[in-house]
Amino acid sequence: MITRLIRFFGWHPAQHTPTLPTIMNIGHLQTLNVLDRNRDKILLDGHDLGTIVLPAREAEIAEIGQSLEVFIYTDTHGELLATVQHPLVERDQSASLKVVDVSNVGAFLDWGLEKNLLLPFAEQRRPVEIGRYETVLVYLDNSGRLAASSRLDHHLPETADDFRPWQRVNLLIYQRTDLGLKAVVDNRALGLLYKDEIFQSVRVGETYQGYIKRLRYDGRIDLALQPPSNLLQPDLTQTIMDYLASHEGVCELSDKSSPDAIKAVFKVSKKNFKKALSTLYRERRILIEENRVLLAPTPPHEAGNHE
């Protein structure tokens, strides 16, 4: 049925993502009305997509005229089906999914539905193993069926001109490189976190909140996990003060400490750490020694005010 729709609307088979509004509903959650039902199936109004079947066991008390939130997907023959289950990822989104089987057509991934998601061999960035996780994007293939791809650079651009510097974004880490970590940015582009600018533990397949650090001259996206220094400093100075308060007023780090030592404790660069120490020293809240930082004693007149 999907193939007939595609041919009718003149979609070129080389494209992965149809722009037809009705086809756009496939692979997404939406609300549809119940047209009819019997013991085995519920018929939903799919509008221009026609009638869509929902197994009756998934909505035993649904009545004719009732609205149901369902996810629309396709079977192995390209026929439309509905489920009240919510998938772990929808079409045109990326996620890290577990490989549960490998066959002669590709790998199958657990995406939260009874029917597993196919990752074809042609769409695999590398060989996958059962039990391991792979970061993929869900797309609509040439035959109108939902499938997965770990070749994210074939589906998402590495350039963008609609981001702005230090815009807050969601980052899905999907690959390690010699330069750092590649990430999916807000499910619509790819960017890079440089390894010498990562000051916290980061795992491939995990999602983090981050920032657009800059758009390079060629349009490619550089990312950051921390906000710009002027926004980071208030939180960092408070973190240092809290650390001193919980360690008897002593921190065995100073502005002479190694970047790795500072990173291990405070998860920031040495540059930002030194800025925060300078601020606290000017405010007379700390004392800086050669190899450590001390909490400054409270002046007598200030101590008396708290009695």
C-alpha atoms as a PDB file:
ATOM      1  CA  MET A   1       0.000   0.000   0.000  1.00  0.00           C
ATOM      2  CA  ILE A   2       2.820   2.415   0.848  1.00  0.00           C
ATOM      3  CA  THR A   3       4.512   1.598  -2.455  1.00  0.00           C
ATOM      4  CA  ARG A   4       1.335   2.538  -4.319  1.00  0.00           C
ATOM      5  CA  LEU A   5       1.162   5.851  -2.421  1.00  0.00           C
ATOM      6  CA  ILE A   6       4.790   6.588  -3.207  1.00  0.00           C
ATOM      7  CA  ARG A   7       4.343   5.904  -6.898  1.00  0.00           C
ATOM      8  CA  PHE A   8       1.158   7.973  -7.030  1.00  0.00           C
ATOM      9  CA  PHE A   9       2.851  11.015  -5.535  1.00  0.00           C
ATOM     10  CA  GLY A  10       5.964  10.662  -7.683  1.00  0.00           C
ATOM     11  CA  TRP A  11       8.541  10.121  -4.935  1.00  0.00           C
ATOM     12  CA  HIS A  12      11.968   9.356  -6.373  1.00  0.00           C
ATOM     13  CA  PRO A  13      13.266   6.040  -4.940  1.00  0.00           C
ATOM     14  CA  ALA A  14      16.751   7.455  -4.297  1.00  0.00           C
ATOM     15  CA  GLN A  15      15.348   9.591  -1.475  1.00  0.00           C
ATOM     16  CA  HIS A  16      15.222   8.203   2.057  1.00  0.00           C
ATOM     17  CA  THR A  17      12.752  10.705   3.522  1.00  0.00           C
ATOM     18  CA  PRO A  18       9.503  11.420   1.671  1.00  0.00           C
ATOM     19  CA  THR A  19       8.037  14.896   2.070  1.00  0.00           C
ATOM     20  CA  LEU A  20       4.471  13.707   1.576  1.00  0.00           C
ATOM     21  CA  PRO A  21       2.475  14.829   4.663  1.00  0.00           C
ATOM     22  CA  THR A  22       0.564  11.523   5.040  1.00  0.00           C
ATOM     23  CA  ILE A  23       3.729   9.434   4.815  1.00  0.00           C
ATOM     24  CA  MET A  24       5.344  11.732   7.369  1.00  0.00           C
ATOM     25  CA  ASN A  25       3.056  10.171  10.018  1.00  0.00           C
ATOM     26  CA  ILE A  26       4.703   6.774   9.697  1.00  0.00           C
ATOM     27  CA  GLY A  27       7.160   6.232  12.522  1.00  0.00           C
ATOM     28  CA  HIS A  28       5.631   8.806  14.867  1.00  0.00           C
ATOM     29  CA  LEU A  29       3.179   8.819  17.764  1.00  0.00           C
ATOM     30  CA  GLN A  30      -0.187  10.324  16.882  1.00  0.00           C
ATOM     31  CA  THR A  31      -3.829  10.321  17.952  1.00  0.00           C
ATOM     32  CA  LEU A  32      -6.310   8.411  15.760  1.00  0.00           C
ATOM     33  CA  ASN A  33     -10.030   7.669  16.131  1.00  0.00           C
ATOM     34  CA  VAL A  34     -11.505   4.165  16.426  1.00  0.00           C
ATOM     35  CA  LEU A  35     -13.726   3.346  13.411  1.00  0.00           C
ATOM     36  CA  ASP A  36     -14.688  -0.223  14.246  1.00  0.00           C
ATOM     37  CA  ARG A  37     -13.577  -3.226  16.266  1.00  0.00           C
ATOM     38  CA  ASN A  38     -14.057  -6.947  16.717  1.00  0.00           C
ATOM     39  CA  ARG A  39     -12.482  -9.611  18.928  1.00  0.00           C
ATOM     40  CA  ASP A  40      -9.176  -9.582  17.060  1.00  0.00           C
ATOM     41  CA  LYS A  41      -8.542  -6.088  15.777  1.00  0.00           C
ATOM     42  CA  ILE A  42      -9.417  -2.423  16.052  1.00  0.00           C
ATOM     43  CA  LEU A  43      -9.720  -0.315  12.911  1.00  0.00           C
ATOM     44  CA  LEU A  44      -8.324   3.199  13.208  1.00  0.00           C
ATOM     45  CA  ASP A  45      -8.928   6.181  10.946  1.00  0.00           C
ATOM     46  CA  GLY A  46      -5.541   6.835   9.308  1.00  0.00           C
ATOM     47  CA  HIS A  47      -6.980   9.661   7.192  1.00  0.00           C
ATOM     48  CA  ASP A  48      -5.184   9.706   3.827  1.00  0.00           C
ATOM     49  CA  LEU A  49      -3.258   6.602   4.848  1.00  0.00           C
ATOM     50  CA  GLY A  50      -6.502   4.651   5.011  1.00  0.00           C
ATOM     51  CA  THR A  51      -7.635   2.262   7.715  1.00  0.00           C
ATOM     52  CA  ILE A  52      -4.909   1.103  10.108  1.00  0.00           C
ATOM     53  CA  VAL A  53      -5.128  -2.062  12.208  1.00  0.00           C
ATOM     54  CA  LEU A  54      -4.435  -2.120  15.962  1.00  0.00           C
ATOM     55  CA  PRO A  55      -4.458  -5.530  17.693  1.00  0.00           C
ATOM     56  CA  ALA A  56      -7.527  -5.665  19.953  1.00  0.00           C
ATOM     57  CA  ARG A  57      -5.475  -7.070  22.855  1.00  0.00           C
ATOM     58  CA  GLU A  58      -3.646  -3.724  23.118  1.00  0.00           C
ATOM     59  CA  ALA A  59      -6.797  -1.694  23.830  1.00  0.00           C
ATOM     60  CA  GLU A  60      -9.441  -4.067  25.186  1.00  0.00           C
ATOM     61  CA  ILE A  61     -11.814  -1.319  26.376  1.00  0.00           C
ATOM     62  CA  ALA A  62     -11.475   1.012  23.371  1.00  0.00           C
ATOM     63  CA  GLU A  63     -14.848   2.040  21.940  1.00  0.00           C
ATOM     64  CA  ILE A  64     -15.933   3.252  18.520  1.00  0.00           C
ATOM     65  CA  GLY A  65     -15.327   7.022  18.278  1.00  0.00           C
ATOM     66  CA  GLN A  66     -12.688   6.992  20.995  1.00  0.00           C
ATOM     67  CA  SER A  67      -9.304   8.605  20.328  1.00  0.00           C
ATOM     68  CA  LEU A  68      -6.164   6.561  20.947  1.00  0.00           C
ATOM     69  CA  GLU A  69      -2.512   7.607  20.964  1.00  0.00           C
ATOM     70  CA  VAL A  70      -0.694   5.071  18.804  1.00  0.00           C
ATOM     71  CA  PHE A  71       2.619   4.577  17.060  1.00  0.00           C
ATOM     72  CA  ILE A  72       2.382   3.858  13.324  1.00  0.00           C
ATOM     73  CA  TYR A  73       4.896   1.431  11.846  1.00  0.00           C
ATOM     74  CA  THR A  74       5.113  -1.144   9.046  1.00  0.00           C
ATOM     75  CA  ASP A  75       5.369  -4.925   8.889  1.00  0.00           C
ATOM     76  CA  THR A  76       7.811  -6.876   6.717  1.00  0.00           C
ATOM     77  CA  HIS A  77       5.458  -6.488   3.747  1.00  0.00           C
ATOM     78  CA  GLY A  78       5.178  -2.721   4.106  1.00  0.00           C
ATOM     79  CA  GLU A  79       1.633  -2.808   5.500  1.00  0.00           C
ATOM     80  CA  LEU A  80       0.727  -0.225   8.118  1.00  0.00           C
ATOM     81  CA  LEU A  81       0.167  -1.309  11.713  1.00  0.00           C
ATOM     82  CA  ALA A  82      -0.534   0.568  14.944  1.00  0.00           C
ATOM     83  CA  THR A  83       0.502  -0.101  18.535  1.00  0.00           C
ATOM     84  CA  VAL A  84      -0.190   1.653  21.821  1.00  0.00           C
ATOM     85  CA  GLN A  85       3.372   0.847  22.884  1.00  0.00           C
ATOM     86  CA  HIS A  86       5.847   3.722  22.818  1.00  0.00           C
ATOM     87  CA  PRO A  87       9.118   3.030  21.008  1.00  0.00           C
ATOM     88  CA  LEU A  88      12.452   4.064  22.470  1.00  0.00           C
ATOM     89  CA  VAL A  89      13.062   6.217  19.395  1.00  0.00           C
ATOM     90  CA  GLU A  90      10.886   7.600  16.609  1.00  0.00           C
ATOM     91  CA  ARG A  91      11.566   8.208  12.949  1.00  0.00           C
ATOM     92  CA  ASP A  92      14.273  10.804  12.174  1.00  0.00           C
ATOM     93  CA  GLN A  93      15.575  10.459  15.736  1.00  0.00           C
ATOM     94  CA  SER A  94      18.734   8.776  17.007  1.00  0.00           C
ATOM     95  CA  ALA A  95      19.294   6.492  19.984  1.00  0.00           C
ATOM     96  CA  SER A  96      21.588   3.774  21.299  1.00  0.00           C
ATOM     97  CA  LEU A  97      19.757   0.439  20.899  1.00  0.00           C
ATOM     98  CA  LYS A  98      20.628  -3.125  21.910  1.00  0.00           C
ATOM     99  CA  VAL A  99      21.383  -5.690  19.204  1.00  0.00           C
ATOM    100  CA  VAL A 100      19.181  -8.737  19.869  1.00  0.00           C
ATOM    101  CA  ASP A 101      19.695 -10.797  16.704  1.00  0.00           C
ATOM    102  CA  VAL A 102      21.717 -11.023  13.499  1.00  0.00           C
ATOM    103  CA  SER A 103      20.424 -12.700  10.319  1.00  0.00           C
ATOM    104  CA  ASN A 104      21.247 -12.866   6.627  1.00  0.00           C
ATOM    105  CA  VAL A 105      19.544  -9.496   6.027  1.00  0.00           C
ATOM    106  CA  GLY A 106      21.127  -7.547   8.865  1.00  0.00           C
ATOM    107  CA  ALA A 107      20.891  -7.030  12.602  1.00  0.00           C
ATOM    108  CA  PHE A 108      17.754  -6.555  14.666  1.00  0.00           C
ATOM    109  CA  LEU A 109      17.505  -3.990  17.453  1.00  0.00           C
ATOM    110  CA  ASP A 110      15.280  -3.759  20.506  1.00  0.00           C
ATOM    111  CA  TRP A 111      13.467  -0.439  20.225  1.00  0.00           C
ATOM    112  CA  GLY A 112      10.724  -1.129  22.750  1.00  0.00           C
ATOM    113  CA  LEU A 113       8.198  -2.717  20.381  1.00  0.00           C
ATOM    114  CA  GLU A 114       7.186  -6.352  19.877  1.00  0.00           C
ATOM    115  CA  LYS A 115       8.615  -6.223  16.337  1.00  0.00           C
ATOM    116  CA  ASN A 116      12.353  -5.531  16.391  1.00  0.00           C
ATOM    117  CA  LEU A 117      13.929  -2.853  14.187  1.00  0.00           C
ATOM    118  CA  LEU A 118      16.065  -3.930  11.223  1.00  0.00           C
ATOM    119  CA  LEU A 119      19.584  -2.546  10.827  1.00  0.00           C
ATOM    120  CA  PRO A 120      20.495  -3.630   7.259  1.00  0.00           C
ATOM    121  CA  PHE A 121      24.083  -4.643   6.513  1.00  0.00           C
ATOM    122  CA  ALA A 122      24.353  -1.774   3.998  1.00  0.00           C
ATOM    123  CA  GLU A 123      23.493   0.704   6.750  1.00  0.00           C
ATOM    124  CA  GLN A 124      26.013  -0.596   9.305  1.00  0.00           C
ATOM    125  CA  ARG A 125      29.026   1.592  10.067  1.00  0.00           C
ATOM    126  CA  ARG A 126      30.800  -1.424  11.513  1.00  0.00           C
ATOM    127  CA  PRO A 127      29.946  -5.092  12.257  1.00  0.00           C
ATOM    128  CA  VAL A 128      27.660  -5.440  15.267  1.00  0.00           C
ATOM    129  CA  GLU A 129      27.361  -8.152  17.924  1.00  0.00           C
ATOM    130  CA  ILE A 130      24.371  -9.523  19.800  1.00  0.00           C
ATOM    131  CA  GLY A 131      24.136  -7.983  23.253  1.00  0.00           C
ATOM    132  CA  ARG A 132      26.077  -4.844  22.310  1.00  0.00           C
ATOM    133  CA  TYR A 133      24.572  -1.402  21.773  1.00  0.00           C
ATOM    134  CA  GLU A 134      24.733   0.587  18.560  1.00  0.00           C
ATOM    135  CA  THR A 135      23.807   4.226  17.985  1.00  0.00           C
ATOM    136  CA  VAL A 136      21.412   4.469  15.063  1.00  0.00           C
ATOM    137  CA  LEU A 137      18.974   6.764  13.308  1.00  0.00           C
ATOM    138  CA  VAL A 138      15.496   5.550  12.334  1.00  0.00           C
ATOM    139  CA  TYR A 139      14.511   6.306   8.730  1.00  0.00           C
ATOM    140  CA  LEU A 140      11.978   5.289   6.087  1.00  0.00           C
ATOM    141  CA  ASP A 141      13.649   3.106   3.469  1.00  0.00           C
ATOM    142  CA  ASN A 142      13.017   2.972  -0.274  1.00  0.00           C
ATOM    143  CA  SER A 143      10.196   0.472   0.110  1.00  0.00           C
ATOM    144  CA  GLY A 144       8.397   2.577   2.711  1.00  0.00           C
ATOM    145  CA  ARG A 145       9.461   0.507   5.729  1.00  0.00           C
ATOM    146  CA  LEU A 146      11.057   1.759   8.909  1.00  0.00           C
ATOM    147  CA  ALA A 147      14.692   0.751   9.363  1.00  0.00           C
ATOM    148  CA  ALA A 148      17.799   1.803  11.290  1.00  0.00           C
ATOM    149  CA  SER A 149      21.166   3.122  10.155  1.00  0.00           C
ATOM    150  CA  SER A 150      24.396   3.513  12.089  1.00  0.00           C
ATOM    151  CA  ARG A 151      25.913   5.420   9.165  1.00  0.00           C
ATOM    152  CA  LEU A 152      24.673   8.672  10.627  1.00  0.00           C
ATOM    153  CA  ASP A 153      26.709  10.830   8.265  1.00  0.00           C
ATOM    154  CA  HIS A 154      24.578   9.458   5.406  1.00  0.00           C
ATOM    155  CA  HIS A 155      21.417  10.830   6.995  1.00  0.00           C
ATOM    156  CA  LEU A 156      22.423  13.895   8.991  1.00  0.00           C
ATOM    157  CA  PRO A 157      24.400  16.964   7.823  1.00  0.00           C
ATOM    158  CA  GLU A 158      27.754  17.886   9.343  1.00  0.00           C
ATOM    159  CA  THR A 159      27.079  21.560   8.700  1.00  0.00           C
ATOM    160  CA  ALA A 160      24.368  23.926   9.884  1.00  0.00           C
ATOM    161  CA  ASP A 161      23.769  27.645   9.748  1.00  0.00           C
ATOM    162  CA  ASP A 162      20.756  27.898  12.061  1.00  0.00           C
ATOM    163  CA  PHE A 163      22.621  27.263  15.327  1.00  0.00           C
ATOM    164  CA  ARG A 164      24.114  30.143  17.308  1.00  0.00           C
ATOM    165  CA  PRO A 165      27.221  30.149  19.502  1.00  0.00           C
ATOM    166  CA  TRP A 166      26.597  28.848  23.025  1.00  0.00           C
ATOM    167  CA  GLN A 167      23.104  27.691  22.197  1.00  0.00           C
ATOM    168  CA  ARG A 168      22.099  24.903  24.571  1.00  0.00           C
ATOM    169  CA  VAL A 169      21.533  21.566  22.794  1.00  0.00           C
ATOM    170  CA  ASN A 170      21.120  17.855  23.458  1.00  0.00           C
ATOM    171  CA  LEU A 171      24.064  15.684  22.451  1.00  0.00           C
ATOM    172  CA  LEU A 172      24.023  11.948  21.763  1.00  0.00           C
ATOM    173  CA  ILE A 173      27.616  10.666  21.713  1.00  0.00           C
ATOM    174  CA  TYR A 174      27.998   8.072  18.970  1.00  0.00           C
ATOM    175  CA  GLN A 175      31.664   7.677  17.958  1.00  0.00           C
ATOM    176  CA  ARG A 176      35.224   8.161  19.225  1.00  0.00           C
ATOM    177  CA  THR A 177      37.807   9.618  16.853  1.00  0.00           C
ATOM    178  CA  ASP A 178      41.426  10.746  17.083  1.00  0.00           C
ATOM    179  CA  LEU A 179      40.169  14.308  17.602  1.00  0.00           C
ATOM    180  CA  GLY A 180      37.533  13.564  20.200  1.00  0.00           C
ATOM    181  CA  LEU A 181      33.888  12.486  20.225  1.00  0.00           C
ATOM    182  CA  LYS A 182      31.274  12.818  17.501  1.00  0.00           C
ATOM    183  CA  ALA A 183      27.752  13.637  18.601  1.00  0.00           C
ATOM    184  CA  VAL A 184      24.250  13.951  17.197  1.00  0.00           C
ATOM    185  CA  VAL A 185      23.053  17.500  17.889  1.00  0.00           C
ATOM    186  CA  ASP A 186      19.331  17.858  18.631  1.00  0.00           C
ATOM    187  CA  ASN A 187      18.589  14.966  16.269  1.00  0.00           C
ATOM    188  CA  ARG A 188      19.329  17.136  13.231  1.00  0.00           C
ATOM    189  CA  ALA A 189      23.082  17.536  12.711  1.00  0.00           C
ATOM    190  CA  LEU A 190      26.484  16.115  13.642  1.00  0.00           C
ATOM    191  CA  GLY A 191      29.163  17.888  15.663  1.00  0.00           C
ATOM    192  CA  LEU A 192      32.501  17.298  17.387  1.00  0.00           C
ATOM    193  CA  LEU A 193      33.693  17.487  20.995  1.00  0.00           C
ATOM    194  CA  TYR A 194      37.480  17.890  21.085  1.00  0.00           C
ATOM    195  CA  LYS A 195      39.102  15.464  23.508  1.00  0.00           C
ATOM    196  CA  ASP A 196      41.227  18.136  25.198  1.00  0.00           C
ATOM    197  CA  GLU A 197      38.048  20.075  26.016  1.00  0.00           C
ATOM    198  CA  ILE A 198      36.244  17.207  27.755  1.00  0.00           C
ATOM    199  CA  PHE A 199      36.540  17.461  31.540  1.00  0.00           C
ATOM    200  CA  GLN A 200      34.056  14.821  32.659  1.00  0.00           C
ATOM    201  CA  SER A 201      33.388  11.137  32.091  1.00  0.00           C
ATOM    202  CA  VAL A 202      31.564  10.684  28.779  1.00  0.00           C
ATOM    203  CA  ARG A 203      30.318   7.408  27.321  1.00  0.00           C
ATOM    204  CA  VAL A 204      29.417   6.544  23.740  1.00  0.00           C
ATOM    205  CA  GLY A 205      25.681   5.952  23.452  1.00  0.00           C
ATOM    206  CA  GLU A 206      24.794   8.328  26.288  1.00  0.00           C
ATOM    207  CA  THR A 207      22.971  11.659  25.987  1.00  0.00           C
ATOM    208  CA  TYR A 208      24.278  14.877  27.544  1.00  0.00           C
ATOM    209  CA  GLN A 209      23.293  18.506  27.653  1.00  0.00           C
ATOM    210  CA  GLY A 210      25.856  20.610  25.846  1.00  0.00           C
ATOM    211  CA  TYR A 211      26.475  23.764  23.840  1.00  0.00           C
ATOM    212  CA  ILE A 212      27.308  24.937  20.358  1.00  0.00           C
ATOM    213  CA  LYS A 213      30.796  26.313  20.907  1.00  0.00           C
ATOM    214  CA  ARG A 214      31.313  27.660  17.405  1.00  0.00           C
ATOM    215  CA  LEU A 215      30.354  27.230  13.776  1.00  0.00           C
ATOM    216  CA  ARG A 216      33.560  26.854  11.788  1.00  0.00           C
ATOM    217  CA  TYR A 217      34.235  28.673   8.518  1.00  0.00           C
ATOM    218  CA  ASP A 218      33.155  25.544   6.623  1.00  0.00           C
ATOM    219  CA  GLY A 219      29.901  25.328   8.573  1.00  0.00           C
ATOM    220  CA  ARG A 220      30.939  22.361  10.709  1.00  0.00           C
ATOM    221  CA  ILE A 221      29.924  22.360  14.358  1.00  0.00           C
ATOM    222  CA  ASP A 222      32.275  22.440  17.357  1.00  0.00           C
ATOM    223  CA  LEU A 223      30.640  21.468  20.643  1.00  0.00           C
ATOM    224  CA  ALA A 224      31.219  21.947  24.362  1.00  0.00           C
ATOM    225  CA  LEU A 225      29.864  20.227  27.456  1.00  0.00           C
ATOM    226  CA  GLN A 226      30.319  23.299  29.633  1.00  0.00           C
ATOM    227  CA  PRO A 227      28.901  26.804  29.208  1.00  0.00           C
ATOM    228  CA  PRO A 228      31.168  29.777  28.431  1.00  0.00           C
ATOM    229  CA  SER A 229      33.500  30.856  31.210  1.00  0.00           C
ATOM    230  CA  ASN A 230      31.413  33.839  32.305  1.00  0.00           C
ATOM    231  CA  LEU A 231      28.428  31.557  32.942  1.00  0.00           C
ATOM    232  CA  LEU A 232      30.501  28.750  34.444  1.00  0.00           C
ATOM    233  CA  GLN A 233      32.363  30.868  37.013  1.00  0.00           C
ATOM    234  CA  PRO A 234      29.558  31.518  39.545  1.00  0.00           C
ATOM    235  CA  ASP A 235      28.817  27.793  39.847  1.00  0.00           C
ATOM    236  CA  LEU A 236      32.504  26.870  39.912  1.00  0.00           C
ATOM    237  CA  THR A 237      33.397  29.315  42.676  1.00  0.00           C
ATOM    238  CA  GLN A 238      30.540  27.931  44.769  1.00  0.00           C
ATOM    239  CA  THR A 239      31.682  24.377  44.032  1.00  0.00           C
ATOM    240  CA  ILE A 240      35.167  25.233  45.284  1.00  0.00           C
ATOM    241  CA  MET A 241      33.769  26.807  48.449  1.00  0.00           C
ATOM    242  CA  ASP A 242      31.549  23.759  49.071  1.00  0.00           C
ATOM    243  CA  TYR A 243      34.549  21.492  48.565  1.00  0.00           C
ATOM    244  CA  LEU A 244      36.583  23.461  51.114  1.00  0.00           C
ATOM    245  CA  ALA A 245      33.714  23.396  53.595  1.00  0.00           C
ATOM    246  CA  SER A 246      33.439  19.612  53.331  1.00  0.00           C
ATOM    247  CA  HIS A 247      37.223  19.010  53.507  1.00  0.00           C
ATOM    248  CA  GLU A 248      38.056  20.934  56.692  1.00  0.00           C
ATOM    249  CA  GLY A 249      38.928  24.079  54.739  1.00  0.00           C
ATOM    250  CA  VAL A 250      41.700  22.481  52.669  1.00  0.00           C
ATOM    251  CA  CYS A 251      41.978  21.664  48.967  1.00  0.00           C
ATOM    252  CA  GLU A 252      45.171  19.890  47.924  1.00  0.00           C
ATOM    253  CA  LEU A 253      45.124  21.666  44.564  1.00  0.00           C
ATOM    254  CA  SER A 254      46.304  25.102  43.544  1.00  0.00           C
ATOM    255  CA  ASP A 255      46.919  27.189  40.461  1.00  0.00           C
ATOM    256  CA  LYS A 256      50.164  25.228  40.086  1.00  0.00           C
ATOM    257  CA  SER A 257      48.437  21.834  39.917  1.00  0.00           C
ATOM    258  CA  SER A 258      48.314  19.777  36.734  1.00  0.00           C
ATOM    259  CA  PRO A 259      45.318  20.040  34.386  1.00  0.00           C
ATOM    260  CA  ASP A 260      44.568  16.332  34.914  1.00  0.00           C
ATOM    261  CA  ALA A 261      44.484  16.677  38.690  1.00  0.00           C
ATOM    262  CA  ILE A 262      42.090  19.643  38.461  1.00  0.00           C
ATOM    263  CA  LYS A 263      39.945  17.840  35.897  1.00  0.00           C
ATOM    264  CA  ALA A 264      39.665  14.764  38.138  1.00  0.00           C
ATOM    265  CA  VAL A 265      38.285  16.741  41.086  1.00  0.00           C
ATOM    266  CA  PHE A 266      36.386  19.685  39.613  1.00  0.00           C
ATOM    267  CA  LYS A 267      35.760  18.554  36.001  1.00  0.00           C
ATOM    268  CA  VAL A 268      36.901  21.865  34.525  1.00  0.00           C
ATOM    269  CA  SER A 269      39.922  23.162  32.661  1.00  0.00           C
ATOM    270  CA  LYS A 270      42.916  24.551  34.531  1.00  0.00           C
ATOM    271  CA  LYS A 271      42.201  27.933  32.940  1.00  0.00           C
ATOM    272  CA  ASN A 272      38.703  28.109  34.418  1.00  0.00           C
ATOM    273  CA  PHE A 273      39.926  26.787  37.764  1.00  0.00           C
ATOM    274  CA  LYS A 274      42.548  29.536  37.993  1.00  0.00           C
ATOM    275  CA  LYS A 275      39.939  32.173  37.124  1.00  0.00           C
ATOM    276  CA  ALA A 276      37.697  30.928  39.906  1.00  0.00           C
ATOM    277  CA  LEU A 277      40.593  30.952  42.410  1.00  0.00           C
ATOM    278  CA  SER A 278      41.449  34.506  41.399  1.00  0.00           C
ATOM    279  CA  THR A 279      37.866  35.607  42.014  1.00  0.00           C
ATOM    280  CA  LEU A 280      37.720  33.954  45.428  1.00  0.00           C
ATOM    281  CA  TYR A 281      41.143  35.356  46.384  1.00  0.00           C
ATOM    282  CA  ARG A 282      40.097  38.895  45.438  1.00  0.00           C
ATOM    283  CA  GLU A 283      36.991  38.453  47.547  1.00  0.00           C
ATOM    284  CA  ARG A 284      39.271  37.299  50.409  1.00  0.00           C
ATOM    285  CA  ARG A 285      37.410  34.023  50.740  1.00  0.00           C
ATOM    286  CA  ILE A 286      40.461  31.800  50.223  1.00  0.00           C
ATOM    287  CA  LEU A 287      44.211  31.699  50.753  1.00  0.00           C
ATOM    288  CA  ILE A 288      46.390  30.311  47.982  1.00  0.00           C
ATOM    289  CA  GLU A 289      49.557  28.448  48.944  1.00  0.00           C
ATOM    290  CA  GLU A 290      52.132  26.734  46.726  1.00  0.00           C
ATOM    291  CA  ASN A 291      50.384  23.367  46.547  1.00  0.00           C
ATOM    292  CA  ARG A 292      46.994  23.922  48.134  1.00  0.00           C
ATOM    293  CA  VAL A 293      44.114  26.289  48.748  1.00  0.00           C
ATOM    294  CA  LEU A 294      42.790  27.134  52.211  1.00  0.00           C
ATOM    295  CA  LEU A 295      39.502  28.558  53.351  1.00  0.00           C
ATOM    296  CA  ALA A 296      40.197  32.065  54.588  1.00  0.00           C
ATOM    297  CA  PRO A 297      39.456  32.653  58.295  1.00  0.00           C
ATOM    298  CA  THR A 298      36.348  34.695  58.947  1.00  0.00           C
ATOM    299  CA  PRO A 299      37.238  38.214  60.160  1.00  0.00           C
ATOM    300  CA  PRO A 300      36.336  38.727  63.850  1.00  0.00           C
ATOM    301  CA  HIS A 301      33.784  41.466  63.155  1.00  0.00           C
ATOM    302  CA  GLU A 302      31.995  39.244  60.620  1.00  0.00           C
ATOM    303  CA  ALA A 303      32.063  36.252  62.980  1.00  0.00           C
ATOM    304  CA  GLY A 304      30.489  38.412  65.675  1.00  0.00           C
ATOM    305  CA  ASN A 305      27.605  39.318  63.414  1.00  0.00           C
ATOM    306  CA  HIS A 306      26.555  35.653  63.280  1.00  0.00           C
ATOM    307  CA  GLU A 307      26.516  35.147  67.045  1.00  0.00           C
END
